[in-house]
Amino acid sequence: MWLYVEMLIQNHVGHEDWGMYAAMLSFGFLFLSLSDLGINQYTTKRLAGEPELVKVFLPNLFSFKLLITLIYPFIMWMAGWLMGYPPRKLYFLFLLCFVHGGGQLMQFFRANLQASQKFKLDGFLSILDKVILLSLCLYLFMTQLTIDRYVYARLLAIGITVLAFMAVIRRLYFGFRLSFDGKFIKGVVSASLGLALMTILYSVHDKVDQVMLERLAGDVPNGLYSAAYRWLEAVSMFLWTVLPIFFARFSFFKDNEVEQEKLLHFGQVITAIPLLYIAIWVWNYAELLLFPFTESTPEELEIIAACLRAIFVAVGINGCFAIFSTYLTSTGYEGKVNIMAIGSIALNIVLNFIFIPRYGAVACAWTTVLSYAFMSVAYLIYIEWKLTISIPYVQIVKLLLLGGIVFGGFHLLEGLGMSWYVVSILAFFLTILAAFLLGLLNRDTFQSFRV
């Protein structure tokens, strides 16, 4: 529902206004870690193994996070001013950084829930802001919808959600009181700086495309790219839902390599199979996802569809290999992952400078593919050369074979003249059947899923 409504909003306000909004949202996201400093992941990691520390972590770190959440928008406003953004864009940047900061407060509360293994409650609360925002957007459609009012709605929704999280956390932990132990906070921040750097690097890796596209090509191309990229963000919510569970479980079994290896193999299957199917579906039917854009020209729709196909190649790659990043970051190898991310970002920026002026939005989509591929190969090389845990090479080959079978199945069924929805259903069952025949899915897989 949220994905559909956001497309309707973009169709209503236009690609130019949306491209401006998306660029400011992305620029604020580049240095999102300034509103967190790695505390969220560090909290999950420590509390998963030592849950009794919550009585110290929660009151002190929440106080500190409130402080940096208030400072962060002013820092980013100054950065935007140095970038030469005009006053209107600076105003949007300032407000959207408060939205980002509120989101980081949500993630902090979620970290406490995940570390306590309360995944169902965490999953429910994680979508609360979108539910509220959907209601506010319905009101805007019935009255007057502009990009300005939409930003105000986002700010209100995130504020209400943070208050709801606070109420739940206070009930779970018997009404904790705020405190500010400077020595304790300094120690946590010092220990979490590696995770903070990793967050910044991943933020830059994910959003630098849109910032560069707006600077090098303008708001309209950025709006078109954003129309495609939101599908990657939407589908990636599957990973953002699943991978934190594995992050917490890897930390829980930090001294048991056998269990970690089982989790690694199982996690790759769980993340890869759904995203391989979705990636192949989008490659074949990208145009079907563009139905809300009734005000766009055929040329604009063609650009969005081309971006979608490329971006979902990256989705398939990420589905197969993101679990390795989760394993490395949860077991103390954040610094090595940071180095890999720096290399990927450098590759991305260089390619964008070369190709955006010539190919515009489509160039960003394909540089995203190359960035994800670079990171995936880097994970495997480091684990193979430096760690003792085994990489499931046979499983990786089977996943690639599965992708080939499903891709061929789509084209074979289309060649028989079947409609897209019939092809989609049959290809879905083909995916499941092939996964069973290849041994990717079996009784042990579902037993692990229940555990």
Foldseek 3Di string as FASTA:
>chain_A
DLLLLVLLLCLVQDQQQLLLLLLLLLLLLLQLLLLPLQLLLLLLLVCLAVVVCCLVCVQAVLVVSVVSLVVSLVVSLVVVVVVVDDPVSSVSNSLSSNLSSLVNLLSNLLSSCLSVVVLVVSVVLVCQLVVQLVVVSVVCVVPPDYPVVSSVSSNVSSVVSSVVSVVVVCVVVVRRHHDHDPVVVVVSSVVRNLSSLLSSLVSCLLRVLSNLLCVQPNRNLSSLLVSQVVVVVVLCVVVVSPLSNLLSVLSNVLPPLVVNLVSLLLQLLVQQLVLLLVLLLLLVPVLVSNVSNPVDDPVSSVLSSLLNNLQSLLSNLCSRAVNLVSNCVSNPNSVLLSVLSVVLSVQLVVQCVVPCNPPNSSSNSNSSSVSSVSSRVSSVVCCVPPHDRDDPPLVSVLSVVLSVVLNVQLVVVVVVVDDSVVSSVVSVVVSVVSCVVSVVDDPVSVVVVVD
